Amino acid sequence: MLRDGRRSVAEISDALRFSAPTAFRRAFHRWTGRSPRDHRAQLGRRAPGERSASWPAEPTARPAREMGSMFG
């Protein structure tokens, strides 16, 4: 979702059912060590299809609201 620059972090947060955009930003930072904005900027500098080595296959923490089958 971050790869698609048409959606804001707030829209992504809502789509993933976080309680607030700040909860998504904090969780994303815990998982990757950087903000969603920084991650999106770095994606822009990658070759098409190249993945970030720091993005975990499974998140280490769940958001405030249950995410259902998205990560579980």
N, C-alpha and C. Protein backbone atom coordinates (compact mmCIF):
# COMPACT_ATOMS: atom_id res chain seq x y z
N MET A 1 0.81 -1.19 0.00
CA MET A 1 0.00 0.00 0.00
C MET A 1 0.85 1.26 0.00
N LEU A 2 1.98 1.23 0.70
CA LEU A 2 2.85 2.40 0.70
C LEU A 2 3.46 2.63 -0.67
N ARG A 3 3.65 1.56 -1.41
CA ARG A 3 4.23 1.67 -2.74
C ARG A 3 3.35 2.52 -3.65
N ASP A 4 2.05 2.44 -3.46
CA ASP A 4 1.10 3.21 -4.24
C ASP A 4 0.97 4.59 -3.60
N GLY A 5 1.61 5.57 -4.15
CA GLY A 5 1.64 6.91 -3.56
C GLY A 5 0.32 7.66 -3.60
N ARG A 6 -0.72 7.07 -4.18
CA ARG A 6 -2.00 7.76 -4.26
C ARG A 6 -2.74 7.76 -2.93
N ARG A 7 -2.41 6.84 -2.03
CA ARG A 7 -3.11 6.76 -0.74
C ARG A 7 -2.25 7.39 0.35
N SER A 8 -2.88 8.17 1.19
CA SER A 8 -2.16 8.79 2.31
C SER A 8 -1.93 7.75 3.41
N VAL A 9 -1.04 8.07 4.32
CA VAL A 9 -0.80 7.18 5.46
C VAL A 9 -2.08 7.05 6.29
N ALA A 10 -2.85 8.12 6.39
CA ALA A 10 -4.12 8.06 7.13
C ALA A 10 -5.09 7.09 6.46
N GLU A 11 -5.16 7.11 5.13
CA GLU A 11 -6.04 6.18 4.40
C GLU A 11 -5.58 4.73 4.57
N ILE A 12 -4.27 4.53 4.54
CA ILE A 12 -3.73 3.18 4.73
C ILE A 12 -4.03 2.70 6.14
N SER A 13 -3.83 3.58 7.11
CA SER A 13 -4.12 3.25 8.50
C SER A 13 -5.57 2.82 8.68
N ASP A 14 -6.47 3.56 8.06
CA ASP A 14 -7.89 3.24 8.14
C ASP A 14 -8.19 1.91 7.45
N ALA A 15 -7.61 1.68 6.29
CA ALA A 15 -7.83 0.44 5.55
C ALA A 15 -7.35 -0.78 6.33
N LEU A 16 -6.28 -0.60 7.11
CA LEU A 16 -5.73 -1.69 7.93
C LEU A 16 -6.40 -1.78 9.29
N ARG A 17 -7.36 -0.90 9.53
CA ARG A 17 -8.18 -0.90 10.74
C ARG A 17 -7.40 -0.55 12.01
N PHE A 18 -6.43 0.34 11.88
CA PHE A 18 -5.77 0.87 13.06
C PHE A 18 -6.70 1.88 13.72
N SER A 19 -6.54 2.08 15.01
CA SER A 19 -7.40 3.01 15.73
C SER A 19 -7.17 4.46 15.32
N ALA A 20 -5.95 4.79 14.85
CA ALA A 20 -5.61 6.14 14.43
C ALA A 20 -4.34 6.08 13.57
N PRO A 21 -4.13 7.07 12.71
CA PRO A 21 -2.91 7.09 11.91
C PRO A 21 -1.63 7.06 12.75
N THR A 22 -1.66 7.69 13.92
CA THR A 22 -0.46 7.68 14.77
C THR A 22 -0.16 6.27 15.28
N ALA A 23 -1.18 5.47 15.52
CA ALA A 23 -0.96 4.08 15.95
C ALA A 23 -0.29 3.30 14.84
N PHE A 24 -0.71 3.51 13.59
CA PHE A 24 -0.06 2.85 12.45
C PHE A 24 1.39 3.30 12.31
N ARG A 25 1.62 4.61 12.43
CA ARG A 25 3.00 5.11 12.30
C ARG A 25 3.91 4.52 13.37
N ARG A 26 3.43 4.45 14.61
CA ARG A 26 4.25 3.87 15.69
C ARG A 26 4.52 2.39 15.45
N ALA A 27 3.50 1.64 15.07
CA ALA A 27 3.66 0.21 14.80
C ALA A 27 4.61 -0.01 13.62
N PHE A 28 4.45 0.75 12.57
CA PHE A 28 5.31 0.63 11.39
C PHE A 28 6.76 0.90 11.77
N HIS A 29 6.98 1.92 12.60
CA HIS A 29 8.34 2.25 13.04
C HIS A 29 8.92 1.11 13.88
N ARG A 30 8.11 0.50 14.74
CA ARG A 30 8.59 -0.65 15.53
C ARG A 30 8.99 -1.80 14.62
N TRP A 31 8.19 -2.05 13.59
CA TRP A 31 8.45 -3.19 12.70
C TRP A 31 9.64 -2.97 11.78
N THR A 32 9.86 -1.72 11.31
CA THR A 32 10.86 -1.48 10.27
C THR A 32 12.03 -0.61 10.70
N GLY A 33 11.86 0.14 11.81
CA GLY A 33 12.91 1.05 12.23
C GLY A 33 12.86 2.39 11.53
N ARG A 34 11.82 2.64 10.75
CA ARG A 34 11.66 3.94 10.07
C ARG A 34 10.19 4.26 9.91
N SER A 35 9.93 5.51 9.58
CA SER A 35 8.55 5.95 9.43
C SER A 35 7.99 5.48 8.09
N PRO A 36 6.66 5.43 7.98
CA PRO A 36 6.07 5.09 6.67
C PRO A 36 6.53 6.06 5.58
N ARG A 37 6.66 7.35 5.92
CA ARG A 37 7.11 8.34 4.94
C ARG A 37 8.52 8.02 4.45
N ASP A 38 9.43 7.71 5.39
CA ASP A 38 10.80 7.38 5.00
C ASP A 38 10.84 6.10 4.17
N HIS A 39 10.03 5.13 4.55
CA HIS A 39 9.97 3.87 3.81
C HIS A 39 9.47 4.11 2.38
N ARG A 40 8.43 4.91 2.26
CA ARG A 40 7.88 5.23 0.94
C ARG A 40 8.92 5.96 0.09
N ALA A 41 9.66 6.87 0.69
CA ALA A 41 10.70 7.59 -0.04
C ALA A 41 11.79 6.64 -0.52
N GLN A 42 12.17 5.70 0.32
CA GLN A 42 13.20 4.73 -0.08
C GLN A 42 12.68 3.82 -1.19
N LEU A 43 11.41 3.46 -1.15
CA LEU A 43 10.84 2.64 -2.22
C LEU A 43 10.95 3.34 -3.56
N GLY A 44 10.85 4.65 -3.55
CA GLY A 44 10.96 5.42 -4.78
C GLY A 44 12.34 5.37 -5.38
N ARG A 45 13.35 5.02 -4.59
CA ARG A 45 14.73 4.95 -5.08
C ARG A 45 15.14 3.53 -5.47
N ARG A 46 14.25 2.56 -5.36
CA ARG A 46 14.56 1.17 -5.67
C ARG A 46 14.22 0.82 -7.12
N ALA A 47 14.84 -0.22 -7.59
CA ALA A 47 14.48 -0.76 -8.89
C ALA A 47 13.09 -1.39 -8.79
N PRO A 48 12.32 -1.40 -9.85
CA PRO A 48 10.98 -2.02 -9.81
C PRO A 48 11.06 -3.47 -9.34
N GLY A 49 10.22 -3.82 -8.40
CA GLY A 49 10.18 -5.19 -7.89
C GLY A 49 11.16 -5.49 -6.79
N GLU A 50 12.12 -4.61 -6.53
CA GLU A 50 13.10 -4.82 -5.47
C GLU A 50 12.43 -4.57 -4.13
N ARG A 51 12.64 -5.47 -3.17
CA ARG A 51 11.99 -5.35 -1.86
C ARG A 51 12.97 -4.84 -0.82
N SER A 52 12.42 -4.23 0.19
CA SER A 52 13.21 -3.75 1.31
C SER A 52 13.60 -4.91 2.21
N ALA A 53 14.87 -4.99 2.57
CA ALA A 53 15.33 -6.07 3.44
C ALA A 53 14.82 -5.89 4.87
N SER A 54 14.44 -4.68 5.25
CA SER A 54 14.02 -4.45 6.62
C SER A 54 12.54 -4.70 6.85
N TRP A 55 11.76 -4.90 5.79
CA TRP A 55 10.32 -5.14 5.98
C TRP A 55 10.12 -6.57 6.44
N PRO A 56 9.54 -6.78 7.62
CA PRO A 56 9.37 -8.15 8.13
C PRO A 56 8.27 -8.91 7.39
N ALA A 57 8.46 -10.21 7.29
CA ALA A 57 7.44 -11.06 6.68
C ALA A 57 6.19 -11.08 7.56
N GLU A 58 6.38 -11.07 8.86
CA GLU A 58 5.29 -11.04 9.83
C GLU A 58 5.54 -9.90 10.81
N PRO A 59 4.56 -9.09 11.11
CA PRO A 59 4.77 -8.03 12.10
C PRO A 59 4.99 -8.62 13.49
N THR A 60 5.72 -7.87 14.30
CA THR A 60 6.02 -8.35 15.65
C THR A 60 4.98 -7.88 16.66
N ALA A 61 4.14 -6.93 16.29
CA ALA A 61 3.12 -6.43 17.21
C ALA A 61 1.84 -6.20 16.43
N ARG A 62 0.71 -6.31 17.11
CA ARG A 62 -0.58 -6.08 16.45
C ARG A 62 -1.07 -4.67 16.77
N PRO A 63 -1.84 -4.08 15.88
CA PRO A 63 -2.38 -2.74 16.13
C PRO A 63 -3.43 -2.77 17.22
N ALA A 64 -3.93 -1.59 17.54
CA ALA A 64 -4.92 -1.47 18.61
C ALA A 64 -6.17 -2.28 18.31
N ARG A 65 -6.59 -2.33 17.08
CA ARG A 65 -7.76 -3.13 16.71
C ARG A 65 -7.29 -4.36 15.95
N GLU A 66 -7.97 -5.46 16.13
CA GLU A 66 -7.60 -6.71 15.48
C GLU A 66 -7.60 -6.54 13.96
N MET A 67 -6.61 -7.10 13.30
CA MET A 67 -6.48 -6.94 11.87
C MET A 67 -7.07 -8.13 11.10
N GLY A 68 -7.65 -9.08 11.78
CA GLY A 68 -8.28 -10.20 11.08
C GLY A 68 -7.27 -11.03 10.33
N SER A 69 -7.61 -11.42 9.13
CA SER A 69 -6.76 -12.33 8.36
C SER A 69 -5.62 -11.62 7.64
N MET A 70 -5.56 -10.29 7.71
CA MET A 70 -4.52 -9.59 6.98
C MET A 70 -3.12 -10.04 7.41
N PHE A 71 -2.86 -10.18 8.72
CA PHE A 71 -1.57 -10.63 9.21
C PHE A 71 -1.68 -11.90 10.04
N GLY A 72 -2.86 -12.40 10.27
CA GLY A 72 -3.03 -13.52 11.18
C GLY A 72 -3.27 -14.77 10.54
